[in-house]
Each structure stands twice: as structure tokens, then as C-alpha cells.
Amino acid sequence: MTDRLDTLIFHDIKLTWIDGGITSMDGGAMFGPVPKPLWSKKYPANEKNQIELPTDAILIQYKDKNYLIDAGVGTGKLTDKQIRNYGVREETKIEESLNQVGLTVQDIDGVIMTHMHFDHAGGLTQLKEGQYVSTFKNAVIYVNAIEWDEIRHPNIRSKSTYWKENWEAVEEQVRTFEKSLEIVPGIELFHTGGHSKGHSIVKLTQDGETVLHLADIMPTHAHQNPLWVLGFDDYPMNSITAKQYWMEEARKLGAKFIFYHDAFYRMVQWNHSGKQIIDRLERSKEPYINFDTKKDNQ
């Protein structure tokens, strides 16, 4: 049975979360310097200290165009060791998900990459007849110029997440940008750095209202606090600075937040003080890793 896809209508934009796979990363790594007695009140861990992190690409349908934010963890690319280490329970089901909304991979006009780590870029390519080919052959792939350089020339730290299998086949489709890029009016990319040197976030604007996707500088609702940064962040102080800035922008704009990795919420809006959730869209798929008793952890 195919799981129902979650959708959110934002004025003329329709957002649909694609079944992009599920990873289970180490909670200590995902919350960095934050002690477990604090973060575990907001996000549950299993007996291995792993927390559930979907990798669900977000389909944006707007003005007869189809865009994806990121591409899922991919299919058939991980070794048994990687599957174990990253707690991968499910891989990307891009064709099946798009079929549910009457689309195919050929119908995707653009892929908006927040960054090129394997759990975001894995779905950009597929293995066909022994070689990797582009999944979205008709799409422009938007990537920050620094990030594009980083994935092609990884260092001793980043080579574990920047893989040639995820970029070589799509090289001709890539369009890079520096500080910001307006893809179309209402859909913008902004470079932040932090999580990676070329990390970027997505801003959607409609009729004076705003939806923000802070990608991996705020991968889940539990990472709301600017100081709660990931152990995976290459430049944690840049993550803090960027999150402080965008959280203040969100407060002024009354913005909503959408998530790629959150196992519980697709969208959250906090009140002016940031202490209470006033609007939400819950993920309909039951998490593998949950609290013993369901409750609203804010």
C-alpha cells in the first residue's frame, strides 16, 4: 500500500512531500553540543541513540511549473555498511510518488538544491545499465557556486558525503549562483553557509506571506534554538549566525517553516515569542522512532 502524500496549499503554490527515504542518524551528532537530557525531550531516539530523519523532497507546483527542493537519499547507492551507519530504513521512491500526483520525472522543470550532501543529492541520479544517469533529464539544477565547487573537489572531511555518483551525470544541467537567486518571482534561494560552505535556504513568498525552508541549519522543529547546531556542521558559528538572522526575519514576517528531515512535522509556525506552535502540518506517516507516549513537544 502506498502512503498518502502530505500537501500544503500556500496561495498559488502547492507543496507536496515526496517519499524520499528515511535515515536514522546519531542523535548526538544531530544535536552537536546540546546534552541528550535536553534534546531528547523534543525529539525521540531509539536504543542505538538514533533519531529518525526522513529525506523527503518537496515538490513545488507553481505557474504550470514543477520544482523539487532536494532529491532524496536515492536508490541502490549505499553499501551495507552505509545503510547500517546511517540507519537507512527506506530509499527514495521518486517515480511512485510523482505518479500519485500525475507526474513523471520528465515533468520536473527544476531541482532546487540546498546543498549536495548524499542524503539530499542521492536522488539526482540513478543507476541504469551499469552507469549513472540523470533522474530529472529536463530539469535545471540550481546549486550555490561554492557548493558545486565543493562537491567536485571534496576535502578529507567532506569526501564521505560528496560523491561523484551524485553529480557527474548532471553536470550539464547545473546552474550556479553566488549570494542569492530568484528562480521565479516568489521562489528564492539564499546562500547561508554553516552546515556546508555552500549551504543555502529557500524562501517562498505569496501575497505578502512567507514560507521558509532553512534546510540543514534547522533540519527539524527541535532545532529551533539558534545554538542547537549539528555536529555535522562544517562551520557551526556560521550556522548560528544564519539561523539567528532568518529566525528574526521569520518573526517579523510571521513566516511558516517547512522541513525535509522532520519525522513529525511538515510545516510549523511559531508565535511571536517563538515559544508556542500556532500552526502546523503533521507528517501523516507514522515514525519508526517515536516517544513512548505521543504528546506535543514544543
C-alpha atoms as a PDB file:
ATOM      1  CA  MET A   1       0.000   0.000   0.000  1.00  0.00           C
ATOM      2  CA  THR A   2       1.344   3.426  -0.974  1.00  0.00           C
ATOM      3  CA  ASP A   3       1.444   6.037   1.766  1.00  0.00           C
ATOM      4  CA  ARG A   4      -0.591   9.179   1.289  1.00  0.00           C
ATOM      5  CA  LEU A   5       1.496  12.182   0.284  1.00  0.00           C
ATOM      6  CA  ASP A   6       1.260  15.238   2.505  1.00  0.00           C
ATOM      7  CA  THR A   7       0.309  18.510   0.806  1.00  0.00           C
ATOM      8  CA  LEU A   8       0.166  22.169   1.762  1.00  0.00           C
ATOM      9  CA  ILE A   9      -1.545  24.921  -0.237  1.00  0.00           C
ATOM     10  CA  PHE A  10       0.258  28.266   0.048  1.00  0.00           C
ATOM     11  CA  HIS A  11      -1.831  30.663  -2.032  1.00  0.00           C
ATOM     12  CA  ASP A  12      -0.965  29.771  -5.673  1.00  0.00           C
ATOM     13  CA  ILE A  13       1.795  27.353  -4.657  1.00  0.00           C
ATOM     14  CA  LYS A  14       1.069  23.699  -3.942  1.00  0.00           C
ATOM     15  CA  LEU A  15       3.640  21.848  -1.862  1.00  0.00           C
ATOM     16  CA  THR A  16       3.754  18.035  -1.802  1.00  0.00           C
ATOM     17  CA  TRP A  17       6.226  15.932   0.176  1.00  0.00           C
ATOM     18  CA  ILE A  18       7.718  13.159  -1.964  1.00  0.00           C
ATOM     19  CA  ASP A  19       8.636   9.786  -0.460  1.00  0.00           C
ATOM     20  CA  GLY A  20      12.387  10.379  -0.459  1.00  0.00           C
ATOM     21  CA  GLY A  21      13.556   7.747   2.005  1.00  0.00           C
ATOM     22  CA  ILE A  22      14.268   7.550   5.733  1.00  0.00           C
ATOM     23  CA  THR A  23      17.582   7.743   7.558  1.00  0.00           C
ATOM     24  CA  SER A  24      18.255   7.349  11.282  1.00  0.00           C
ATOM     25  CA  MET A  25      21.248   9.421  12.299  1.00  0.00           C
ATOM     26  CA  ASP A  26      23.041   9.514  15.630  1.00  0.00           C
ATOM     27  CA  GLY A  27      21.194  11.921  17.904  1.00  0.00           C
ATOM     28  CA  GLY A  28      24.374  13.230  19.476  1.00  0.00           C
ATOM     29  CA  ALA A  29      25.740  14.143  16.060  1.00  0.00           C
ATOM     30  CA  MET A  30      22.466  15.775  15.019  1.00  0.00           C
ATOM     31  CA  PHE A  31      22.292  17.959  18.131  1.00  0.00           C
ATOM     32  CA  GLY A  32      26.010  18.634  18.479  1.00  0.00           C
ATOM     33  CA  PRO A  33      26.832  20.389  21.764  1.00  0.00           C
ATOM     34  CA  VAL A  34      23.341  20.006  23.236  1.00  0.00           C
ATOM     35  CA  PRO A  35      23.171  17.431  26.072  1.00  0.00           C
ATOM     36  CA  LYS A  36      20.873  14.485  25.451  1.00  0.00           C
ATOM     37  CA  PRO A  37      18.678  15.209  28.524  1.00  0.00           C
ATOM     38  CA  LEU A  38      17.694  18.435  26.741  1.00  0.00           C
ATOM     39  CA  TRP A  39      17.261  17.388  23.108  1.00  0.00           C
ATOM     40  CA  SER A  40      15.610  14.053  23.891  1.00  0.00           C
ATOM     41  CA  LYS A  41      12.661  15.948  25.410  1.00  0.00           C
ATOM     42  CA  LYS A  42      11.958  17.432  21.994  1.00  0.00           C
ATOM     43  CA  TYR A  43      12.918  14.591  19.627  1.00  0.00           C
ATOM     44  CA  PRO A  44      12.948  10.857  20.421  1.00  0.00           C
ATOM     45  CA  ALA A  45      15.829   8.435  19.992  1.00  0.00           C
ATOM     46  CA  ASN A  46      15.917   4.639  19.765  1.00  0.00           C
ATOM     47  CA  GLU A  47      18.078   2.270  21.788  1.00  0.00           C
ATOM     48  CA  LYS A  48      21.005   2.989  19.429  1.00  0.00           C
ATOM     49  CA  ASN A  49      20.658   6.734  20.100  1.00  0.00           C
ATOM     50  CA  GLN A  50      19.459   7.261  16.516  1.00  0.00           C
ATOM     51  CA  ILE A  51      16.789   9.795  15.590  1.00  0.00           C
ATOM     52  CA  GLU A  52      14.500   9.421  12.594  1.00  0.00           C
ATOM     53  CA  LEU A  53      15.206  11.785   9.705  1.00  0.00           C
ATOM     54  CA  PRO A  54      13.127  11.429   6.525  1.00  0.00           C
ATOM     55  CA  THR A  55      14.742  12.674   3.319  1.00  0.00           C
ATOM     56  CA  ASP A  56      11.537  13.807   1.652  1.00  0.00           C
ATOM     57  CA  ALA A  57      11.984  16.113  -1.321  1.00  0.00           C
ATOM     58  CA  ILE A  58       9.378  18.882  -1.504  1.00  0.00           C
ATOM     59  CA  LEU A  59       7.517  19.265  -4.796  1.00  0.00           C
ATOM     60  CA  ILE A  60       6.593  22.868  -5.628  1.00  0.00           C
ATOM     61  CA  GLN A  61       3.866  23.256  -8.248  1.00  0.00           C
ATOM     62  CA  TYR A  62       3.549  26.883  -9.327  1.00  0.00           C
ATOM     63  CA  LYS A  63       2.529  28.650 -12.539  1.00  0.00           C
ATOM     64  CA  ASP A  64       2.452  25.380 -14.528  1.00  0.00           C
ATOM     65  CA  LYS A  65       5.997  24.501 -13.464  1.00  0.00           C
ATOM     66  CA  ASN A  66       7.211  21.683 -11.231  1.00  0.00           C
ATOM     67  CA  TYR A  67      10.208  22.131  -8.946  1.00  0.00           C
ATOM     68  CA  LEU A  68      11.752  19.898  -6.287  1.00  0.00           C
ATOM     69  CA  ILE A  69      13.575  21.049  -3.190  1.00  0.00           C
ATOM     70  CA  ASP A  70      16.383  18.466  -2.960  1.00  0.00           C
ATOM     71  CA  ALA A  71      16.156  14.928  -4.286  1.00  0.00           C
ATOM     72  CA  GLY A  72      16.063  12.325  -1.523  1.00  0.00           C
ATOM     73  CA  VAL A  73      18.706   9.850  -0.416  1.00  0.00           C
ATOM     74  CA  GLY A  74      18.486   7.945  -3.714  1.00  0.00           C
ATOM     75  CA  THR A  75      18.117   4.273  -4.542  1.00  0.00           C
ATOM     76  CA  GLY A  76      20.680   1.470  -4.679  1.00  0.00           C
ATOM     77  CA  LYS A  77      23.705   3.677  -3.957  1.00  0.00           C
ATOM     78  CA  LEU A  78      24.536   2.711  -0.392  1.00  0.00           C
ATOM     79  CA  THR A  79      26.706  -0.155   0.809  1.00  0.00           C
ATOM     80  CA  ASP A  80      25.531  -2.429   3.596  1.00  0.00           C
ATOM     81  CA  LYS A  81      27.900  -0.585   5.929  1.00  0.00           C
ATOM     82  CA  GLN A  82      26.461   2.800   4.964  1.00  0.00           C
ATOM     83  CA  ILE A  83      22.907   1.540   5.353  1.00  0.00           C
ATOM     84  CA  ARG A  84      23.803   0.379   8.856  1.00  0.00           C
ATOM     85  CA  ASN A  85      25.739   3.505   9.849  1.00  0.00           C
ATOM     86  CA  TYR A  86      23.100   5.921   8.539  1.00  0.00           C
ATOM     87  CA  GLY A  87      20.187   3.814   9.731  1.00  0.00           C
ATOM     88  CA  VAL A  88      18.557   3.794   6.299  1.00  0.00           C
ATOM     89  CA  ARG A  89      15.138   2.163   6.608  1.00  0.00           C
ATOM     90  CA  GLU A  90      13.736   3.228   3.225  1.00  0.00           C
ATOM     91  CA  GLU A  91      15.162   4.585  -0.012  1.00  0.00           C
ATOM     92  CA  THR A  92      13.722   7.113  -2.449  1.00  0.00           C
ATOM     93  CA  LYS A  93      10.537   6.225  -4.334  1.00  0.00           C
ATOM     94  CA  ILE A  94      10.513   9.175  -6.708  1.00  0.00           C
ATOM     95  CA  GLU A  95       8.650   7.636  -9.641  1.00  0.00           C
ATOM     96  CA  GLU A  96       5.934   6.169  -7.443  1.00  0.00           C
ATOM     97  CA  SER A  97       5.416   9.440  -5.574  1.00  0.00           C
ATOM     98  CA  LEU A  98       5.273  11.571  -8.710  1.00  0.00           C
ATOM     99  CA  ASN A  99       2.837   9.111 -10.248  1.00  0.00           C
ATOM    100  CA  GLN A 100       0.494   9.786  -7.322  1.00  0.00           C
ATOM    101  CA  VAL A 101       0.236  13.420  -8.397  1.00  0.00           C
ATOM    102  CA  GLY A 102       0.059  12.659 -12.121  1.00  0.00           C
ATOM    103  CA  LEU A 103       3.679  13.470 -12.938  1.00  0.00           C
ATOM    104  CA  THR A 104       6.813  11.687 -14.126  1.00  0.00           C
ATOM    105  CA  VAL A 105      10.478  12.519 -13.650  1.00  0.00           C
ATOM    106  CA  GLN A 106      10.393  14.114 -17.120  1.00  0.00           C
ATOM    107  CA  ASP A 107       7.885  16.694 -15.823  1.00  0.00           C
ATOM    108  CA  ILE A 108      10.294  18.213 -13.290  1.00  0.00           C
ATOM    109  CA  ASP A 109      11.429  21.636 -14.536  1.00  0.00           C
ATOM    110  CA  GLY A 110      13.896  22.439 -11.774  1.00  0.00           C
ATOM    111  CA  VAL A 111      15.612  20.924  -8.746  1.00  0.00           C
ATOM    112  CA  ILE A 112      16.484  23.433  -6.022  1.00  0.00           C
ATOM    113  CA  MET A 113      19.454  22.036  -4.114  1.00  0.00           C
ATOM    114  CA  THR A 114      20.011  23.403  -0.621  1.00  0.00           C
ATOM    115  CA  HIS A 115      23.323  21.543  -0.581  1.00  0.00           C
ATOM    116  CA  MET A 116      24.845  18.420  -2.097  1.00  0.00           C
ATOM    117  CA  HIS A 117      25.310  16.006   0.817  1.00  0.00           C
ATOM    118  CA  PHE A 118      24.465  12.436  -0.128  1.00  0.00           C
ATOM    119  CA  ASP A 119      21.125  12.394   1.696  1.00  0.00           C
ATOM    120  CA  HIS A 120      19.950  15.382  -0.355  1.00  0.00           C
ATOM    121  CA  ALA A 121      21.630  14.757  -3.720  1.00  0.00           C
ATOM    122  CA  GLY A 122      21.393  10.965  -3.954  1.00  0.00           C
ATOM    123  CA  GLY A 123      18.163  11.091  -5.926  1.00  0.00           C
ATOM    124  CA  LEU A 124      19.637  13.303  -8.669  1.00  0.00           C
ATOM    125  CA  THR A 125      20.995  10.243 -10.462  1.00  0.00           C
ATOM    126  CA  GLN A 126      20.040   6.618 -10.996  1.00  0.00           C
ATOM    127  CA  LEU A 127      21.976   3.529 -11.990  1.00  0.00           C
ATOM    128  CA  LYS A 128      20.812   2.335 -15.413  1.00  0.00           C
ATOM    129  CA  GLU A 129      22.533  -0.483 -17.306  1.00  0.00           C
ATOM    130  CA  GLY A 130      25.696  -0.128 -15.274  1.00  0.00           C
ATOM    131  CA  GLN A 131      26.111   3.642 -15.380  1.00  0.00           C
ATOM    132  CA  TYR A 132      24.692   6.625 -13.536  1.00  0.00           C
ATOM    133  CA  VAL A 133      22.261   8.812 -15.471  1.00  0.00           C
ATOM    134  CA  SER A 134      20.278  11.923 -14.608  1.00  0.00           C
ATOM    135  CA  THR A 135      16.944  11.241 -12.917  1.00  0.00           C
ATOM    136  CA  PHE A 136      15.407  14.560 -13.989  1.00  0.00           C
ATOM    137  CA  LYS A 137      16.684  14.987 -17.526  1.00  0.00           C
ATOM    138  CA  ASN A 138      14.568  18.051 -18.330  1.00  0.00           C
ATOM    139  CA  ALA A 139      15.339  19.957 -15.129  1.00  0.00           C
ATOM    140  CA  VAL A 140      17.645  22.852 -14.383  1.00  0.00           C
ATOM    141  CA  ILE A 141      19.528  22.008 -11.176  1.00  0.00           C
ATOM    142  CA  TYR A 142      20.123  25.094  -9.024  1.00  0.00           C
ATOM    143  CA  VAL A 143      23.196  24.899  -6.744  1.00  0.00           C
ATOM    144  CA  ASN A 144      25.266  27.508  -4.952  1.00  0.00           C
ATOM    145  CA  ALA A 145      28.586  28.041  -6.750  1.00  0.00           C
ATOM    146  CA  ILE A 146      30.631  27.287  -3.616  1.00  0.00           C
ATOM    147  CA  GLU A 147      28.685  24.069  -3.025  1.00  0.00           C
ATOM    148  CA  TRP A 148      29.134  22.998  -6.638  1.00  0.00           C
ATOM    149  CA  ASP A 149      32.879  23.515  -6.322  1.00  0.00           C
ATOM    150  CA  GLU A 150      32.957  21.637  -3.023  1.00  0.00           C
ATOM    151  CA  ILE A 151      31.233  18.514  -4.317  1.00  0.00           C
ATOM    152  CA  ARG A 152      33.595  18.290  -7.271  1.00  0.00           C
ATOM    153  CA  HIS A 153      36.682  18.829  -5.099  1.00  0.00           C
ATOM    154  CA  PRO A 154      35.895  17.357  -1.668  1.00  0.00           C
ATOM    155  CA  ASN A 155      38.375  17.589   1.171  1.00  0.00           C
ATOM    156  CA  ILE A 156      39.414  14.917   3.644  1.00  0.00           C
ATOM    157  CA  ARG A 157      36.277  15.583   5.740  1.00  0.00           C
ATOM    158  CA  SER A 158      33.673  16.137   3.031  1.00  0.00           C
ATOM    159  CA  LYS A 159      34.591  13.267   0.727  1.00  0.00           C
ATOM    160  CA  SER A 160      32.460  10.992   2.902  1.00  0.00           C
ATOM    161  CA  THR A 161      29.309  12.850   1.788  1.00  0.00           C
ATOM    162  CA  TYR A 162      30.197  14.426  -1.592  1.00  0.00           C
ATOM    163  CA  TRP A 163      30.108  11.618  -4.141  1.00  0.00           C
ATOM    164  CA  LYS A 164      30.840  11.761  -7.866  1.00  0.00           C
ATOM    165  CA  GLU A 165      27.940   9.354  -8.436  1.00  0.00           C
ATOM    166  CA  ASN A 166      25.617  12.199  -7.446  1.00  0.00           C
ATOM    167  CA  TRP A 167      26.965  14.947  -9.715  1.00  0.00           C
ATOM    168  CA  GLU A 168      28.877  13.686 -12.750  1.00  0.00           C
ATOM    169  CA  ALA A 169      25.759  12.687 -14.701  1.00  0.00           C
ATOM    170  CA  VAL A 170      24.003  16.029 -14.100  1.00  0.00           C
ATOM    171  CA  GLU A 171      26.917  18.412 -14.679  1.00  0.00           C
ATOM    172  CA  GLU A 172      25.416  19.881 -17.852  1.00  0.00           C
ATOM    173  CA  GLN A 173      22.133  20.671 -16.089  1.00  0.00           C
ATOM    174  CA  VAL A 174      23.592  22.701 -13.216  1.00  0.00           C
ATOM    175  CA  ARG A 175      23.076  26.455 -12.885  1.00  0.00           C
ATOM    176  CA  THR A 176      25.069  28.069 -10.089  1.00  0.00           C
ATOM    177  CA  PHE A 177      24.517  31.282  -8.147  1.00  0.00           C
ATOM    178  CA  GLU A 178      26.516  33.350  -5.670  1.00  0.00           C
ATOM    179  CA  LYS A 179      24.643  35.111  -2.834  1.00  0.00           C
ATOM    180  CA  SER A 180      21.028  34.692  -3.930  1.00  0.00           C
ATOM    181  CA  LEU A 181      18.882  33.633  -6.862  1.00  0.00           C
ATOM    182  CA  GLU A 182      15.291  34.377  -7.801  1.00  0.00           C
ATOM    183  CA  ILE A 183      14.194  31.324  -9.772  1.00  0.00           C
ATOM    184  CA  VAL A 184      10.825  32.919 -10.473  1.00  0.00           C
ATOM    185  CA  PRO A 185       9.067  35.694  -8.537  1.00  0.00           C
ATOM    186  CA  GLY A 186       8.074  34.078  -5.245  1.00  0.00           C
ATOM    187  CA  ILE A 187      10.778  31.370  -5.188  1.00  0.00           C
ATOM    188  CA  GLU A 188      14.236  32.440  -3.993  1.00  0.00           C
ATOM    189  CA  LEU A 189      17.474  30.809  -2.858  1.00  0.00           C
ATOM    190  CA  PHE A 190      19.840  32.435  -0.348  1.00  0.00           C
ATOM    191  CA  HIS A 191      23.369  31.291   0.479  1.00  0.00           C
ATOM    192  CA  THR A 192      23.955  30.820   4.224  1.00  0.00           C
ATOM    193  CA  GLY A 193      26.967  28.558   4.645  1.00  0.00           C
ATOM    194  CA  GLY A 194      27.214  26.864   8.009  1.00  0.00           C
ATOM    195  CA  HIS A 195      26.160  23.277   7.563  1.00  0.00           C
ATOM    196  CA  SER A 196      28.357  23.225   4.486  1.00  0.00           C
ATOM    197  CA  LYS A 197      30.318  26.069   2.913  1.00  0.00           C
ATOM    198  CA  GLY A 198      27.769  26.407   0.109  1.00  0.00           C
ATOM    199  CA  HIS A 199      24.601  25.608   2.067  1.00  0.00           C
ATOM    200  CA  SER A 200      21.505  27.590   1.030  1.00  0.00           C
ATOM    201  CA  ILE A 201      17.915  28.080   2.152  1.00  0.00           C
ATOM    202  CA  VAL A 202      14.667  28.558   0.236  1.00  0.00           C
ATOM    203  CA  LYS A 203      12.193  31.420   0.641  1.00  0.00           C
ATOM    204  CA  LEU A 204       8.669  31.253  -0.796  1.00  0.00           C
ATOM    205  CA  THR A 205       6.616  34.444  -0.933  1.00  0.00           C
ATOM    206  CA  GLN A 206       2.944  34.848  -1.869  1.00  0.00           C
ATOM    207  CA  ASP A 207       0.614  37.808  -1.298  1.00  0.00           C
ATOM    208  CA  GLY A 208       2.781  39.263   1.457  1.00  0.00           C
ATOM    209  CA  GLU A 209       3.165  35.938   3.312  1.00  0.00           C
ATOM    210  CA  THR A 210       6.319  33.852   3.650  1.00  0.00           C
ATOM    211  CA  VAL A 211       7.303  30.191   3.953  1.00  0.00           C
ATOM    212  CA  LEU A 212      10.925  29.426   4.805  1.00  0.00           C
ATOM    213  CA  HIS A 213      12.877  26.224   4.333  1.00  0.00           C
ATOM    214  CA  LEU A 214      16.069  26.520   6.370  1.00  0.00           C
ATOM    215  CA  ALA A 215      17.272  23.093   5.208  1.00  0.00           C
ATOM    216  CA  ASP A 216      20.007  21.684   7.454  1.00  0.00           C
ATOM    217  CA  ILE A 217      20.657  24.752   9.579  1.00  0.00           C
ATOM    218  CA  MET A 218      17.253  23.845  11.056  1.00  0.00           C
ATOM    219  CA  PRO A 219      16.586  20.281   9.904  1.00  0.00           C
ATOM    220  CA  THR A 220      13.755  19.643  12.377  1.00  0.00           C
ATOM    221  CA  HIS A 221      11.434  21.704  14.544  1.00  0.00           C
ATOM    222  CA  ALA A 222      13.555  20.663  17.540  1.00  0.00           C
ATOM    223  CA  HIS A 223      16.496  22.662  16.116  1.00  0.00           C
ATOM    224  CA  GLN A 224      14.669  25.990  16.508  1.00  0.00           C
ATOM    225  CA  ASN A 225      17.155  27.367  19.042  1.00  0.00           C
ATOM    226  CA  PRO A 226      19.989  29.076  17.094  1.00  0.00           C
ATOM    227  CA  LEU A 227      22.554  27.455  19.404  1.00  0.00           C
ATOM    228  CA  TRP A 228      21.308  23.935  18.676  1.00  0.00           C
ATOM    229  CA  VAL A 229      23.613  23.166  15.775  1.00  0.00           C
ATOM    230  CA  LEU A 230      24.683  19.876  14.252  1.00  0.00           C
ATOM    231  CA  GLY A 231      27.908  18.069  14.943  1.00  0.00           C
ATOM    232  CA  PHE A 232      27.942  17.570  11.178  1.00  0.00           C
ATOM    233  CA  ASP A 233      28.134  21.335  10.553  1.00  0.00           C
ATOM    234  CA  ASP A 234      31.404  22.339   8.903  1.00  0.00           C
ATOM    235  CA  TYR A 235      31.098  25.942  10.125  1.00  0.00           C
ATOM    236  CA  PRO A 236      28.852  25.935  13.222  1.00  0.00           C
ATOM    237  CA  MET A 237      29.258  29.630  14.032  1.00  0.00           C
ATOM    238  CA  ASN A 238      28.046  30.455  10.530  1.00  0.00           C
ATOM    239  CA  SER A 239      25.041  28.191  11.138  1.00  0.00           C
ATOM    240  CA  ILE A 240      24.265  30.085  14.341  1.00  0.00           C
ATOM    241  CA  THR A 241      24.586  33.491  12.671  1.00  0.00           C
ATOM    242  CA  ALA A 242      22.439  32.469   9.696  1.00  0.00           C
ATOM    243  CA  LYS A 243      19.776  30.906  11.887  1.00  0.00           C
ATOM    244  CA  GLN A 244      19.656  33.964  14.132  1.00  0.00           C
ATOM    245  CA  TYR A 245      19.150  36.187  11.100  1.00  0.00           C
ATOM    246  CA  TRP A 246      16.460  34.069   9.457  1.00  0.00           C
ATOM    247  CA  MET A 247      14.604  33.370  12.694  1.00  0.00           C
ATOM    248  CA  GLU A 248      14.391  37.125  13.275  1.00  0.00           C
ATOM    249  CA  GLU A 249      13.207  37.616   9.682  1.00  0.00           C
ATOM    250  CA  ALA A 250      10.598  34.921  10.262  1.00  0.00           C
ATOM    251  CA  ARG A 251       9.430  36.616  13.443  1.00  0.00           C
ATOM    252  CA  LYS A 252       8.986  39.941  11.656  1.00  0.00           C
ATOM    253  CA  LEU A 253       7.242  38.328   8.685  1.00  0.00           C
ATOM    254  CA  GLY A 254       5.131  35.858  10.654  1.00  0.00           C
ATOM    255  CA  ALA A 255       6.650  33.137   8.464  1.00  0.00           C
ATOM    256  CA  LYS A 256       5.947  29.422   8.422  1.00  0.00           C
ATOM    257  CA  PHE A 257       8.738  26.825   8.245  1.00  0.00           C
ATOM    258  CA  ILE A 258       8.763  23.668   6.133  1.00  0.00           C
ATOM    259  CA  PHE A 259      11.040  20.664   6.654  1.00  0.00           C
ATOM    260  CA  TYR A 260      12.813  17.978   4.620  1.00  0.00           C
ATOM    261  CA  HIS A 261      14.062  15.929   7.585  1.00  0.00           C
ATOM    262  CA  ASP A 262      11.403  16.268  10.302  1.00  0.00           C
ATOM    263  CA  ALA A 263       9.779  12.976  11.301  1.00  0.00           C
ATOM    264  CA  PHE A 264       6.774  14.697  12.905  1.00  0.00           C
ATOM    265  CA  TYR A 265       6.015  17.992  11.168  1.00  0.00           C
ATOM    266  CA  ARG A 266       5.956  19.110   7.546  1.00  0.00           C
ATOM    267  CA  MET A 267       5.229  22.702   8.487  1.00  0.00           C
ATOM    268  CA  VAL A 268       5.365  24.687  11.703  1.00  0.00           C
ATOM    269  CA  GLN A 269       4.587  28.278  12.592  1.00  0.00           C
ATOM    270  CA  TRP A 270       5.601  29.647  15.976  1.00  0.00           C
ATOM    271  CA  ASN A 271       4.040  32.608  17.733  1.00  0.00           C
ATOM    272  CA  HIS A 272       5.819  35.952  18.031  1.00  0.00           C
ATOM    273  CA  SER A 273       7.820  34.812  21.054  1.00  0.00           C
ATOM    274  CA  GLY A 274       8.796  31.527  19.397  1.00  0.00           C
ATOM    275  CA  LYS A 275       7.622  29.562  22.414  1.00  0.00           C
ATOM    276  CA  GLN A 276       4.364  28.157  21.073  1.00  0.00           C
ATOM    277  CA  ILE A 277       3.346  26.425  17.846  1.00  0.00           C
ATOM    278  CA  ILE A 278       0.295  28.213  16.435  1.00  0.00           C
ATOM    279  CA  ASP A 279       0.003  26.399  13.091  1.00  0.00           C
ATOM    280  CA  ARG A 280       1.263  23.041  11.901  1.00  0.00           C
ATOM    281  CA  LEU A 281       1.022  20.304   9.315  1.00  0.00           C
ATOM    282  CA  GLU A 282       1.842  16.941  10.834  1.00  0.00           C
ATOM    283  CA  ARG A 283       3.578  14.220   8.864  1.00  0.00           C
ATOM    284  CA  SER A 284       0.934  11.603   8.153  1.00  0.00           C
ATOM    285  CA  LYS A 285       3.369   8.687   8.019  1.00  0.00           C
ATOM    286  CA  GLU A 286       3.876   7.049  11.393  1.00  0.00           C
ATOM    287  CA  PRO A 287       7.525   7.392  12.516  1.00  0.00           C
ATOM    288  CA  TYR A 288       9.572   4.286  13.196  1.00  0.00           C
ATOM    289  CA  ILE A 289      11.154   6.060  16.175  1.00  0.00           C
ATOM    290  CA  ASN A 290       8.657   7.717  18.466  1.00  0.00           C
ATOM    291  CA  PHE A 291       8.127   8.821  22.038  1.00  0.00           C
ATOM    292  CA  ASP A 292       6.684   6.163  24.312  1.00  0.00           C
ATOM    293  CA  THR A 293       3.548   8.258  24.595  1.00  0.00           C
ATOM    294  CA  LYS A 294       2.531  10.689  21.885  1.00  0.00           C
ATOM    295  CA  LYS A 295       2.493  14.268  23.013  1.00  0.00           C
ATOM    296  CA  ASP A 296       3.152  17.702  21.599  1.00  0.00           C
ATOM    297  CA  ASN A 297       6.770  18.547  22.410  1.00  0.00           C
ATOM    298  CA  GLN A 298       7.338  22.225  21.844  1.00  0.00           C
END
